[in-house]
Amino acid sequence: MTMRLDHVQVSCPPGGEDVARAFYGEALGMSEVEKPELLKARGGCWFRAGAAEIHVGVEKEFAPAKKAHPALAVDDLDALAARLEALGYPVTWDNETIPGRRRFHTADGHGNRVEIV
């Protein structure tokens, strides 16, 4: 059996789509993907960059994910960290936990944890 990851879903509160677009679309540079017609009424938004796809779904009783997270691999870790910091997003480096792996954690505008490697 062959398997690959199709997408990761994170959540936002009702009406939080524009905050999600600011982070995933503008800050990370992902392209917004149009949701299927039957899912549009649920709210939320989807983003893609290369093979990485993140779906932001709406949860009425929203609480940000502080531990669970997507990890995105990028070509220029330092440039993205600088961009996120300039836009006001947190950047916490962790280059010791996994030997040989440079990475940092950030949070989207709703407080969901995102790892960048």
PDB file of N, CA and C in Angstrom:
ATOM      1  N   MET A   1       0.850  -1.172   0.000  1.00  0.00           N
ATOM      2  CA  MET A   1       0.000   0.000   0.000  1.00  0.00           C
ATOM      3  C   MET A   1       0.898   1.239   0.000  1.00  0.00           C
ATOM      4  N   THR A   2       0.574   2.179  -0.837  1.00  0.00           N
ATOM      5  CA  THR A   2       1.253   3.466  -0.866  1.00  0.00           C
ATOM      6  C   THR A   2       0.390   4.482  -0.144  1.00  0.00           C
ATOM      7  N   MET A   3       1.029   5.336   0.630  1.00  0.00           N
ATOM      8  CA  MET A   3       0.284   6.341   1.373  1.00  0.00           C
ATOM      9  C   MET A   3       1.045   7.653   1.342  1.00  0.00           C
ATOM     10  N   ARG A   4       0.318   8.752   1.279  1.00  0.00           N
ATOM     11  CA  ARG A   4       0.902  10.075   1.391  1.00  0.00           C
ATOM     12  C   ARG A   4      -0.067  10.958   2.153  1.00  0.00           C
ATOM     13  N   LEU A   5       0.455  11.973   2.759  1.00  0.00           N
ATOM     14  CA  LEU A   5      -0.386  12.911   3.490  1.00  0.00           C
ATOM     15  C   LEU A   5      -1.106  13.807   2.492  1.00  0.00           C
ATOM     16  N   ASP A   6      -2.407  13.911   2.604  1.00  0.00           N
ATOM     17  CA  ASP A   6      -3.198  14.736   1.696  1.00  0.00           C
ATOM     18  C   ASP A   6      -3.295  16.176   2.197  1.00  0.00           C
ATOM     19  N   HIS A   7      -3.637  16.350   3.461  1.00  0.00           N
ATOM     20  CA  HIS A   7      -3.727  17.692   4.042  1.00  0.00           C
ATOM     21  C   HIS A   7      -3.720  17.598   5.561  1.00  0.00           C
ATOM     22  N   VAL A   8      -3.523  18.731   6.194  1.00  0.00           N
ATOM     23  CA  VAL A   8      -3.625  18.864   7.645  1.00  0.00           C
ATOM     24  C   VAL A   8      -4.690  19.911   7.908  1.00  0.00           C
ATOM     25  N   GLN A   9      -5.544  19.664   8.886  1.00  0.00           N
ATOM     26  CA  GLN A   9      -6.556  20.654   9.232  1.00  0.00           C
ATOM     27  C   GLN A   9      -6.241  21.282  10.580  1.00  0.00           C
ATOM     28  N   VAL A  10      -6.351  22.593  10.617  1.00  0.00           N
ATOM     29  CA  VAL A  10      -6.291  23.360  11.854  1.00  0.00           C
ATOM     30  C   VAL A  10      -7.622  24.081  11.976  1.00  0.00           C
ATOM     31  N   SER A  11      -7.868  24.689  13.093  1.00  0.00           N
ATOM     32  CA  SER A  11      -9.166  25.322  13.318  1.00  0.00           C
ATOM     33  C   SER A  11      -9.043  26.809  13.574  1.00  0.00           C
ATOM     34  N   CYS A  12     -10.177  27.470  13.400  1.00  0.00           N
ATOM     35  CA  CYS A  12     -10.297  28.883  13.746  1.00  0.00           C
ATOM     36  C   CYS A  12     -11.691  29.107  14.311  1.00  0.00           C
ATOM     37  N   PRO A  13     -11.890  30.219  14.992  1.00  0.00           N
ATOM     38  CA  PRO A  13     -13.226  30.523  15.497  1.00  0.00           C
ATOM     39  C   PRO A  13     -14.120  31.007  14.358  1.00  0.00           C
ATOM     40  N   PRO A  14     -15.430  31.002  14.562  1.00  0.00           N
ATOM     41  CA  PRO A  14     -16.330  31.540  13.543  1.00  0.00           C
ATOM     42  C   PRO A  14     -15.900  32.965  13.155  1.00  0.00           C
ATOM     43  N   GLY A  15     -15.857  33.230  11.865  1.00  0.00           N
ATOM     44  CA  GLY A  15     -15.465  34.553  11.381  1.00  0.00           C
ATOM     45  C   GLY A  15     -13.964  34.772  11.324  1.00  0.00           C
ATOM     46  N   GLY A  16     -13.170  33.733  11.580  1.00  0.00           N
ATOM     47  CA  GLY A  16     -11.720  33.881  11.646  1.00  0.00           C
ATOM     48  C   GLY A  16     -10.977  33.674  10.335  1.00  0.00           C
ATOM     49  N   GLU A  17     -11.690  33.585   9.230  1.00  0.00           N
ATOM     50  CA  GLU A  17     -11.047  33.302   7.953  1.00  0.00           C
ATOM     51  C   GLU A  17     -10.037  34.375   7.525  1.00  0.00           C
ATOM     52  N   ASP A  18     -10.346  35.637   7.733  1.00  0.00           N
ATOM     53  CA  ASP A  18      -9.413  36.690   7.301  1.00  0.00           C
ATOM     54  C   ASP A  18      -8.106  36.646   8.085  1.00  0.00           C
ATOM     55  N   VAL A  19      -8.171  36.290   9.358  1.00  0.00           N
ATOM     56  CA  VAL A  19      -6.952  36.135  10.160  1.00  0.00           C
ATOM     57  C   VAL A  19      -6.148  34.956   9.627  1.00  0.00           C
ATOM     58  N   ALA A  20      -6.822  33.870   9.256  1.00  0.00           N
ATOM     59  CA  ALA A  20      -6.147  32.706   8.669  1.00  0.00           C
ATOM     60  C   ALA A  20      -5.516  33.084   7.331  1.00  0.00           C
ATOM     61  N   ARG A  21      -6.229  33.852   6.515  1.00  0.00           N
ATOM     62  CA  ARG A  21      -5.675  34.285   5.216  1.00  0.00           C
ATOM     63  C   ARG A  21      -4.427  35.147   5.408  1.00  0.00           C
ATOM     64  N   ALA A  22      -4.423  35.985   6.431  1.00  0.00           N
ATOM     65  CA  ALA A  22      -3.259  36.841   6.679  1.00  0.00           C
ATOM     66  C   ALA A  22      -2.030  35.997   6.992  1.00  0.00           C
ATOM     67  N   PHE A  23      -2.190  34.906   7.730  1.00  0.00           N
ATOM     68  CA  PHE A  23      -1.047  34.070   8.094  1.00  0.00           C
ATOM     69  C   PHE A  23      -0.678  33.097   6.978  1.00  0.00           C
ATOM     70  N   TYR A  24      -1.607  32.220   6.616  1.00  0.00           N
ATOM     71  CA  TYR A  24      -1.276  31.172   5.654  1.00  0.00           C
ATOM     72  C   TYR A  24      -1.090  31.731   4.243  1.00  0.00           C
ATOM     73  N   GLY A  25      -1.903  32.687   3.873  1.00  0.00           N
ATOM     74  CA  GLY A  25      -1.794  33.261   2.537  1.00  0.00           C
ATOM     75  C   GLY A  25      -0.713  34.318   2.414  1.00  0.00           C
ATOM     76  N   GLU A  26      -0.806  35.372   3.228  1.00  0.00           N
ATOM     77  CA  GLU A  26       0.130  36.489   3.091  1.00  0.00           C
ATOM     78  C   GLU A  26       1.486  36.209   3.738  1.00  0.00           C
ATOM     79  N   ALA A  27       1.503  35.777   4.989  1.00  0.00           N
ATOM     80  CA  ALA A  27       2.778  35.596   5.691  1.00  0.00           C
ATOM     81  C   ALA A  27       3.557  34.382   5.174  1.00  0.00           C
ATOM     82  N   LEU A  28       2.874  33.238   4.996  1.00  0.00           N
ATOM     83  CA  LEU A  28       3.565  32.048   4.520  1.00  0.00           C
ATOM     84  C   LEU A  28       3.644  31.973   3.000  1.00  0.00           C
ATOM     85  N   GLY A  29       2.797  32.739   2.309  1.00  0.00           N
ATOM     86  CA  GLY A  29       2.833  32.738   0.847  1.00  0.00           C
ATOM     87  C   GLY A  29       2.131  31.561   0.204  1.00  0.00           C
ATOM     88  N   MET A  30       1.227  30.914   0.941  1.00  0.00           N
ATOM     89  CA  MET A  30       0.466  29.810   0.361  1.00  0.00           C
ATOM     90  C   MET A  30      -0.674  30.378  -0.480  1.00  0.00           C
ATOM     91  N   SER A  31      -1.087  29.631  -1.487  1.00  0.00           N
ATOM     92  CA  SER A  31      -2.203  30.055  -2.338  1.00  0.00           C
ATOM     93  C   SER A  31      -3.509  29.524  -1.761  1.00  0.00           C
ATOM     94  N   GLU A  32      -4.524  30.353  -1.763  1.00  0.00           N
ATOM     95  CA  GLU A  32      -5.824  29.873  -1.300  1.00  0.00           C
ATOM     96  C   GLU A  32      -6.447  28.999  -2.380  1.00  0.00           C
ATOM     97  N   VAL A  33      -7.012  27.872  -1.949  1.00  0.00           N
ATOM     98  CA  VAL A  33      -7.649  26.908  -2.840  1.00  0.00           C
ATOM     99  C   VAL A  33      -9.150  27.028  -2.632  1.00  0.00           C
ATOM    100  N   GLU A  34      -9.899  27.081  -3.714  1.00  0.00           N
ATOM    101  CA  GLU A  34     -11.350  27.166  -3.581  1.00  0.00           C
ATOM    102  C   GLU A  34     -11.902  25.864  -3.010  1.00  0.00           C
ATOM    103  N   LYS A  35     -12.743  26.003  -2.004  1.00  0.00           N
ATOM    104  CA  LYS A  35     -13.365  24.831  -1.388  1.00  0.00           C
ATOM    105  C   LYS A  35     -14.476  24.307  -2.285  1.00  0.00           C
ATOM    106  N   PRO A  36     -14.749  22.998  -2.218  1.00  0.00           N
ATOM    107  CA  PRO A  36     -15.879  22.446  -2.970  1.00  0.00           C
ATOM    108  C   PRO A  36     -17.178  23.133  -2.546  1.00  0.00           C
ATOM    109  N   GLU A  37     -18.069  23.270  -3.482  1.00  0.00           N
ATOM    110  CA  GLU A  37     -19.328  24.004  -3.267  1.00  0.00           C
ATOM    111  C   GLU A  37     -20.075  23.530  -2.021  1.00  0.00           C
ATOM    112  N   LEU A  38     -20.155  22.227  -1.805  1.00  0.00           N
ATOM    113  CA  LEU A  38     -20.905  21.697  -0.668  1.00  0.00           C
ATOM    114  C   LEU A  38     -20.257  22.019   0.677  1.00  0.00           C
ATOM    115  N   LEU A  39     -18.970  22.373   0.686  1.00  0.00           N
ATOM    116  CA  LEU A  39     -18.280  22.680   1.940  1.00  0.00           C
ATOM    117  C   LEU A  39     -18.195  24.181   2.227  1.00  0.00           C
ATOM    118  N   LYS A  40     -18.483  25.013   1.266  1.00  0.00           N
ATOM    119  CA  LYS A  40     -18.351  26.461   1.452  1.00  0.00           C
ATOM    120  C   LYS A  40     -19.216  26.989   2.586  1.00  0.00           C
ATOM    121  N   ALA A  41     -20.406  26.445   2.760  1.00  0.00           N
ATOM    122  CA  ALA A  41     -21.324  26.931   3.788  1.00  0.00           C
ATOM    123  C   ALA A  41     -20.796  26.700   5.202  1.00  0.00           C
ATOM    124  N   ARG A  42     -19.841  25.783   5.367  1.00  0.00           N
ATOM    125  CA  ARG A  42     -19.276  25.511   6.689  1.00  0.00           C
ATOM    126  C   ARG A  42     -18.267  26.574   7.118  1.00  0.00           C
ATOM    127  N   GLY A  43     -17.861  27.430   6.178  1.00  0.00           N
ATOM    128  CA  GLY A  43     -16.840  28.427   6.481  1.00  0.00           C
ATOM    129  C   GLY A  43     -15.459  27.819   6.393  1.00  0.00           C
ATOM    130  N   GLY A  44     -14.478  28.582   6.810  1.00  0.00           N
ATOM    131  CA  GLY A  44     -13.105  28.116   6.738  1.00  0.00           C
ATOM    132  C   GLY A  44     -12.482  28.418   5.389  1.00  0.00           C
ATOM    133  N   CYS A  45     -11.235  28.023   5.207  1.00  0.00           N
ATOM    134  CA  CYS A  45     -10.520  28.253   3.961  1.00  0.00           C
ATOM    135  C   CYS A  45      -9.384  27.255   3.837  1.00  0.00           C
ATOM    136  N   TRP A  46      -8.978  26.991   2.609  1.00  0.00           N
ATOM    137  CA  TRP A  46      -7.940  26.010   2.320  1.00  0.00           C
ATOM    138  C   TRP A  46      -6.766  26.688   1.634  1.00  0.00           C
ATOM    139  N   PHE A  47      -5.552  26.187   1.895  1.00  0.00           N
ATOM    140  CA  PHE A  47      -4.333  26.768   1.333  1.00  0.00           C
ATOM    141  C   PHE A  47      -3.412  25.670   0.830  1.00  0.00           C
ATOM    142  N   ARG A  48      -2.618  26.000  -0.217  1.00  0.00           N
ATOM    143  CA  ARG A  48      -1.680  25.032  -0.779  1.00  0.00           C
ATOM    144  C   ARG A  48      -0.406  25.741  -1.221  1.00  0.00           C
ATOM    145  N   ALA A  49       0.719  25.051  -0.998  1.00  0.00           N
ATOM    146  CA  ALA A  49       2.019  25.467  -1.532  1.00  0.00           C
ATOM    147  C   ALA A  49       2.764  24.183  -1.851  1.00  0.00           C
ATOM    148  N   GLY A  50       3.042  23.939  -3.121  1.00  0.00           N
ATOM    149  CA  GLY A  50       3.651  22.677  -3.510  1.00  0.00           C
ATOM    150  C   GLY A  50       2.741  21.534  -3.113  1.00  0.00           C
ATOM    151  N   ALA A  51       3.288  20.527  -2.430  1.00  0.00           N
ATOM    152  CA  ALA A  51       2.498  19.378  -1.992  1.00  0.00           C
ATOM    153  C   ALA A  51       1.849  19.603  -0.628  1.00  0.00           C
ATOM    154  N   ALA A  52       2.169  20.707   0.043  1.00  0.00           N
ATOM    155  CA  ALA A  52       1.616  20.986   1.373  1.00  0.00           C
ATOM    156  C   ALA A  52       0.242  21.631   1.246  1.00  0.00           C
ATOM    157  N   GLU A  53      -0.733  21.067   1.937  1.00  0.00           N
ATOM    158  CA  GLU A  53      -2.076  21.647   1.933  1.00  0.00           C
ATOM    159  C   GLU A  53      -2.583  21.732   3.367  1.00  0.00           C
ATOM    160  N   ILE A  54      -3.081  22.902   3.726  1.00  0.00           N
ATOM    161  CA  ILE A  54      -3.644  23.131   5.056  1.00  0.00           C
ATOM    162  C   ILE A  54      -5.078  23.598   4.896  1.00  0.00           C
ATOM    163  N   HIS A  55      -5.972  22.939   5.607  1.00  0.00           N
ATOM    164  CA  HIS A  55      -7.377  23.320   5.632  1.00  0.00           C
ATOM    165  C   HIS A  55      -7.647  23.979   6.977  1.00  0.00           C
ATOM    166  N   VAL A  56      -8.244  25.136   6.950  1.00  0.00           N
ATOM    167  CA  VAL A  56      -8.625  25.839   8.177  1.00  0.00           C
ATOM    168  C   VAL A  56     -10.130  25.692   8.308  1.00  0.00           C
ATOM    169  N   GLY A  57     -10.556  24.957   9.325  1.00  0.00           N
ATOM    170  CA  GLY A  57     -11.974  24.727   9.556  1.00  0.00           C
ATOM    171  C   GLY A  57     -12.472  25.564  10.717  1.00  0.00           C
ATOM    172  N   VAL A  58     -13.757  25.835  10.715  1.00  0.00           N
ATOM    173  CA  VAL A  58     -14.376  26.655  11.751  1.00  0.00           C
ATOM    174  C   VAL A  58     -14.907  25.758  12.862  1.00  0.00           C
ATOM    175  N   GLU A  59     -14.561  26.112  14.095  1.00  0.00           N
ATOM    176  CA  GLU A  59     -15.082  25.408  15.266  1.00  0.00           C
ATOM    177  C   GLU A  59     -15.777  26.422  16.162  1.00  0.00           C
ATOM    178  N   LYS A  60     -17.024  26.150  16.470  1.00  0.00           N
ATOM    179  CA  LYS A  60     -17.798  27.045  17.329  1.00  0.00           C
ATOM    180  C   LYS A  60     -17.139  27.198  18.696  1.00  0.00           C
ATOM    181  N   GLU A  61     -16.694  26.086  19.272  1.00  0.00           N
ATOM    182  CA  GLU A  61     -16.016  26.095  20.575  1.00  0.00           C
ATOM    183  C   GLU A  61     -14.507  26.026  20.336  1.00  0.00           C
ATOM    184  N   PHE A  62     -13.964  27.018  19.670  1.00  0.00           N
ATOM    185  CA  PHE A  62     -12.561  27.015  19.253  1.00  0.00           C
ATOM    186  C   PHE A  62     -11.591  27.144  20.421  1.00  0.00           C
ATOM    187  N   ALA A  63     -10.534  26.336  20.372  1.00  0.00           N
ATOM    188  CA  ALA A  63      -9.376  26.469  21.265  1.00  0.00           C
ATOM    189  C   ALA A  63      -8.153  26.190  20.398  1.00  0.00           C
ATOM    190  N   PRO A  64      -7.147  27.055  20.414  1.00  0.00           N
ATOM    191  CA  PRO A  64      -5.985  26.844  19.554  1.00  0.00           C
ATOM    192  C   PRO A  64      -5.211  25.582  19.924  1.00  0.00           C
ATOM    193  N   ALA A  65      -4.631  24.949  18.902  1.00  0.00           N
ATOM    194  CA  ALA A  65      -3.798  23.763  19.119  1.00  0.00           C
ATOM    195  C   ALA A  65      -2.426  24.234  19.589  1.00  0.00           C
ATOM    196  N   LYS A  66      -2.062  23.912  20.804  1.00  0.00           N
ATOM    197  CA  LYS A  66      -0.785  24.337  21.380  1.00  0.00           C
ATOM    198  C   LYS A  66       0.296  23.280  21.215  1.00  0.00           C
ATOM    199  N   LYS A  67      -0.075  22.015  21.040  1.00  0.00           N
ATOM    200  CA  LYS A  67       0.889  20.925  20.893  1.00  0.00           C
ATOM    201  C   LYS A  67       0.813  20.330  19.478  1.00  0.00           C
ATOM    202  N   ALA A  68      -0.371  19.881  19.080  1.00  0.00           N
ATOM    203  CA  ALA A  68      -0.555  19.335  17.732  1.00  0.00           C
ATOM    204  C   ALA A  68      -0.265  20.435  16.721  1.00  0.00           C
ATOM    205  N   HIS A  69       0.377  20.062  15.595  1.00  0.00           N
ATOM    206  CA  HIS A  69       0.748  21.104  14.639  1.00  0.00           C
ATOM    207  C   HIS A  69       1.152  20.521  13.296  1.00  0.00           C
ATOM    208  N   PRO A  70       0.982  21.294  12.228  1.00  0.00           N
ATOM    209  CA  PRO A  70       1.600  20.921  10.960  1.00  0.00           C
ATOM    210  C   PRO A  70       3.060  21.363  10.992  1.00  0.00           C
ATOM    211  N   ALA A  71       3.913  20.668  10.248  1.00  0.00           N
ATOM    212  CA  ALA A  71       5.306  21.066  10.077  1.00  0.00           C
ATOM    213  C   ALA A  71       5.525  21.282   8.588  1.00  0.00           C
ATOM    214  N   LEU A  72       5.966  22.457   8.228  1.00  0.00           N
ATOM    215  CA  LEU A  72       6.180  22.813   6.827  1.00  0.00           C
ATOM    216  C   LEU A  72       7.670  22.942   6.548  1.00  0.00           C
ATOM    217  N   ALA A  73       8.139  22.299   5.498  1.00  0.00           N
ATOM    218  CA  ALA A  73       9.537  22.405   5.088  1.00  0.00           C
ATOM    219  C   ALA A  73       9.659  23.524   4.053  1.00  0.00           C
ATOM    220  N   VAL A  74      10.618  24.412   4.259  1.00  0.00           N
ATOM    221  CA  VAL A  74      10.825  25.538   3.344  1.00  0.00           C
ATOM    222  C   VAL A  74      12.283  25.582   2.893  1.00  0.00           C
ATOM    223  N   ASP A  75      12.531  26.285   1.799  1.00  0.00           N
ATOM    224  CA  ASP A  75      13.879  26.399   1.243  1.00  0.00           C
ATOM    225  C   ASP A  75      14.757  27.367   2.016  1.00  0.00           C
ATOM    226  N   ASP A  76      14.171  28.427   2.553  1.00  0.00           N
ATOM    227  CA  ASP A  76      14.966  29.458   3.235  1.00  0.00           C
ATOM    228  C   ASP A  76      14.383  29.739   4.609  1.00  0.00           C
ATOM    229  N   LEU A  77      14.800  28.942   5.566  1.00  0.00           N
ATOM    230  CA  LEU A  77      14.297  29.021   6.928  1.00  0.00           C
ATOM    231  C   LEU A  77      14.520  30.403   7.543  1.00  0.00           C
ATOM    232  N   ASP A  78      15.731  30.945   7.366  1.00  0.00           N
ATOM    233  CA  ASP A  78      16.062  32.235   7.965  1.00  0.00           C
ATOM    234  C   ASP A  78      15.217  33.371   7.391  1.00  0.00           C
ATOM    235  N   ALA A  79      15.007  33.348   6.087  1.00  0.00           N
ATOM    236  CA  ALA A  79      14.213  34.404   5.454  1.00  0.00           C
ATOM    237  C   ALA A  79      12.765  34.362   5.936  1.00  0.00           C
ATOM    238  N   LEU A  80      12.208  33.154   6.041  1.00  0.00           N
ATOM    239  CA  LEU A  80      10.825  33.054   6.508  1.00  0.00           C
ATOM    240  C   LEU A  80      10.719  33.477   7.970  1.00  0.00           C
ATOM    241  N   ALA A  81      11.679  33.092   8.801  1.00  0.00           N
ATOM    242  CA  ALA A  81      11.661  33.513  10.206  1.00  0.00           C
ATOM    243  C   ALA A  81      11.687  35.033  10.299  1.00  0.00           C
ATOM    244  N   ALA A  82      12.544  35.672   9.514  1.00  0.00           N
ATOM    245  CA  ALA A  82      12.623  37.137   9.532  1.00  0.00           C
ATOM    246  C   ALA A  82      11.319  37.753   9.060  1.00  0.00           C
ATOM    247  N   ARG A  83      10.719  37.185   8.022  1.00  0.00           N
ATOM    248  CA  ARG A  83       9.444  37.706   7.508  1.00  0.00           C
ATOM    249  C   ARG A  83       8.346  37.608   8.564  1.00  0.00           C
ATOM    250  N   LEU A  84       8.242  36.448   9.198  1.00  0.00           N
ATOM    251  CA  LEU A  84       7.206  36.260  10.215  1.00  0.00           C
ATOM    252  C   LEU A  84       7.409  37.210  11.391  1.00  0.00           C
ATOM    253  N   GLU A  85       8.647  37.345  11.841  1.00  0.00           N
ATOM    254  CA  GLU A  85       8.924  38.270  12.950  1.00  0.00           C
ATOM    255  C   GLU A  85       8.569  39.702  12.564  1.00  0.00           C
ATOM    256  N   ALA A  86       8.886  40.107  11.341  1.00  0.00           N
ATOM    257  CA  ALA A  86       8.575  41.460  10.882  1.00  0.00           C
ATOM    258  C   ALA A  86       7.069  41.706  10.835  1.00  0.00           C
ATOM    259  N   LEU A  87       6.316  40.639  10.594  1.00  0.00           N
ATOM    260  CA  LEU A  87       4.859  40.751  10.550  1.00  0.00           C
ATOM    261  C   LEU A  87       4.214  40.586  11.925  1.00  0.00           C
ATOM    262  N   GLY A  88       5.029  40.351  12.951  1.00  0.00           N
ATOM    263  CA  GLY A  88       4.516  40.261  14.312  1.00  0.00           C
ATOM    264  C   GLY A  88       4.169  38.867  14.797  1.00  0.00           C
ATOM    265  N   TYR A  89       4.525  37.836  14.027  1.00  0.00           N
ATOM    266  CA  TYR A  89       4.262  36.465  14.472  1.00  0.00           C
ATOM    267  C   TYR A  89       5.436  35.978  15.322  1.00  0.00           C
ATOM    268  N   PRO A  90       5.180  35.142  16.315  1.00  0.00           N
ATOM    269  CA  PRO A  90       6.268  34.658  17.172  1.00  0.00           C
ATOM    270  C   PRO A  90       7.169  33.678  16.420  1.00  0.00           C
ATOM    271  N   VAL A  91       8.441  33.704  16.726  1.00  0.00           N
ATOM    272  CA  VAL A  91       9.399  32.746  16.168  1.00  0.00           C
ATOM    273  C   VAL A  91      10.251  32.239  17.327  1.00  0.00           C
ATOM    274  N   THR A  92      10.154  30.944  17.609  1.00  0.00           N
ATOM    275  CA  THR A  92      10.919  30.317  18.677  1.00  0.00           C
ATOM    276  C   THR A  92      11.769  29.215  18.062  1.00  0.00           C
ATOM    277  N   TRP A  93      13.073  29.457  18.017  1.00  0.00           N
ATOM    278  CA  TRP A  93      14.000  28.493  17.430  1.00  0.00           C
ATOM    279  C   TRP A  93      14.195  27.293  18.342  1.00  0.00           C
ATOM    280  N   ASP A  94      14.349  26.113  17.741  1.00  0.00           N
ATOM    281  CA  ASP A  94      14.667  24.892  18.467  1.00  0.00           C
ATOM    282  C   ASP A  94      15.578  24.057  17.571  1.00  0.00           C
ATOM    283  N   ASN A  95      16.878  24.303  17.668  1.00  0.00           N
ATOM    284  CA  ASN A  95      17.847  23.596  16.846  1.00  0.00           C
ATOM    285  C   ASN A  95      18.585  22.510  17.628  1.00  0.00           C
ATOM    286  N   GLU A  96      18.185  22.264  18.871  1.00  0.00           N
ATOM    287  CA  GLU A  96      18.870  21.293  19.711  1.00  0.00           C
ATOM    288  C   GLU A  96      18.102  19.994  19.887  1.00  0.00           C
ATOM    289  N   THR A  97      16.789  20.044  19.892  1.00  0.00           N
ATOM    290  CA  THR A  97      15.977  18.879  20.230  1.00  0.00           C
ATOM    291  C   THR A  97      16.180  17.714  19.264  1.00  0.00           C
ATOM    292  N   ILE A  98      16.241  18.003  17.978  1.00  0.00           N
ATOM    293  CA  ILE A  98      16.442  16.965  16.960  1.00  0.00           C
ATOM    294  C   ILE A  98      17.792  17.240  16.316  1.00  0.00           C
ATOM    295  N   PRO A  99      18.807  16.435  16.643  1.00  0.00           N
ATOM    296  CA  PRO A  99      20.150  16.690  16.108  1.00  0.00           C
ATOM    297  C   PRO A  99      20.154  16.801  14.581  1.00  0.00           C
ATOM    298  N   GLY A 100      20.817  17.851  14.093  1.00  0.00           N
ATOM    299  CA  GLY A 100      20.944  18.051  12.656  1.00  0.00           C
ATOM    300  C   GLY A 100      19.755  18.701  11.988  1.00  0.00           C
ATOM    301  N   ARG A 101      18.745  19.076  12.740  1.00  0.00           N
ATOM    302  CA  ARG A 101      17.562  19.687  12.137  1.00  0.00           C
ATOM    303  C   ARG A 101      17.377  21.100  12.669  1.00  0.00           C
ATOM    304  N   ARG A 102      17.449  22.066  11.760  1.00  0.00           N
ATOM    305  CA  ARG A 102      17.126  23.453  12.118  1.00  0.00           C
ATOM    306  C   ARG A 102      15.625  23.635  11.970  1.00  0.00           C
ATOM    307  N   ARG A 103      15.019  24.272  12.965  1.00  0.00           N
ATOM    308  CA  ARG A 103      13.570  24.485  12.909  1.00  0.00           C
ATOM    309  C   ARG A 103      13.172  25.578  13.874  1.00  0.00           C
ATOM    310  N   PHE A 104      11.984  26.114  13.659  1.00  0.00           N
ATOM    311  CA  PHE A 104      11.394  27.027  14.613  1.00  0.00           C
ATOM    312  C   PHE A 104       9.898  26.773  14.671  1.00  0.00           C
ATOM    313  N   HIS A 105       9.312  27.233  15.755  1.00  0.00           N
ATOM    314  CA  HIS A 105       7.860  27.174  15.908  1.00  0.00           C
ATOM    315  C   HIS A 105       7.326  28.593  15.861  1.00  0.00           C
ATOM    316  N   THR A 106       6.141  28.707  15.317  1.00  0.00           N
ATOM    317  CA  THR A 106       5.434  29.969  15.276  1.00  0.00           C
ATOM    318  C   THR A 106       3.979  29.668  15.609  1.00  0.00           C
ATOM    319  N   ALA A 107       3.124  30.649  15.484  1.00  0.00           N
ATOM    320  CA  ALA A 107       1.691  30.445  15.710  1.00  0.00           C
ATOM    321  C   ALA A 107       0.934  31.279  14.698  1.00  0.00           C
ATOM    322  N   ASP A 108      -0.139  30.705  14.167  1.00  0.00           N
ATOM    323  CA  ASP A 108      -0.967  31.496  13.257  1.00  0.00           C
ATOM    324  C   ASP A 108      -1.709  32.564  14.068  1.00  0.00           C
ATOM    325  N   GLY A 109      -2.456  33.381  13.429  1.00  0.00           N
ATOM    326  CA  GLY A 109      -3.136  34.485  14.102  1.00  0.00           C
ATOM    327  C   GLY A 109      -4.158  34.068  15.145  1.00  0.00           C
ATOM    328  N   HIS A 110      -4.505  32.788  15.168  1.00  0.00           N
ATOM    329  CA  HIS A 110      -5.443  32.268  16.172  1.00  0.00           C
ATOM    330  C   HIS A 110      -4.728  31.527  17.291  1.00  0.00           C
ATOM    331  N   GLY A 111      -3.408  31.445  17.209  1.00  0.00           N
ATOM    332  CA  GLY A 111      -2.641  30.775  18.261  1.00  0.00           C
ATOM    333  C   GLY A 111      -2.327  29.319  18.011  1.00  0.00           C
ATOM    334  N   ASN A 112      -2.699  28.783  16.835  1.00  0.00           N
ATOM    335  CA  ASN A 112      -2.364  27.395  16.507  1.00  0.00           C
ATOM    336  C   ASN A 112      -0.861  27.280  16.240  1.00  0.00           C
ATOM    337  N   ARG A 113      -0.243  26.275  16.818  1.00  0.00           N
ATOM    338  CA  ARG A 113       1.197  26.045  16.657  1.00  0.00           C
ATOM    339  C   ARG A 113       1.500  25.563  15.237  1.00  0.00           C
ATOM    340  N   VAL A 114       2.582  26.092  14.650  1.00  0.00           N
ATOM    341  CA  VAL A 114       3.046  25.679  13.325  1.00  0.00           C
ATOM    342  C   VAL A 114       4.560  25.543  13.415  1.00  0.00           C
ATOM    343  N   GLU A 115       5.091  24.404  12.950  1.00  0.00           N
ATOM    344  CA  GLU A 115       6.526  24.187  12.920  1.00  0.00           C
ATOM    345  C   GLU A 115       7.032  24.435  11.510  1.00  0.00           C
ATOM    346  N   ILE A 116       8.177  25.087  11.407  1.00  0.00           N
ATOM    347  CA  ILE A 116       8.814  25.340  10.120  1.00  0.00           C
ATOM    348  C   ILE A 116      10.195  24.695  10.153  1.00  0.00           C
ATOM    349  N   VAL A 117      10.476  23.821   9.183  1.00  0.00           N
ATOM    350  CA  VAL A 117      11.769  23.132   9.110  1.00  0.00           C
ATOM    351  C   VAL A 117      12.459  23.472   7.806  1.00  0.00           C
TER     352      VAL A 117
END
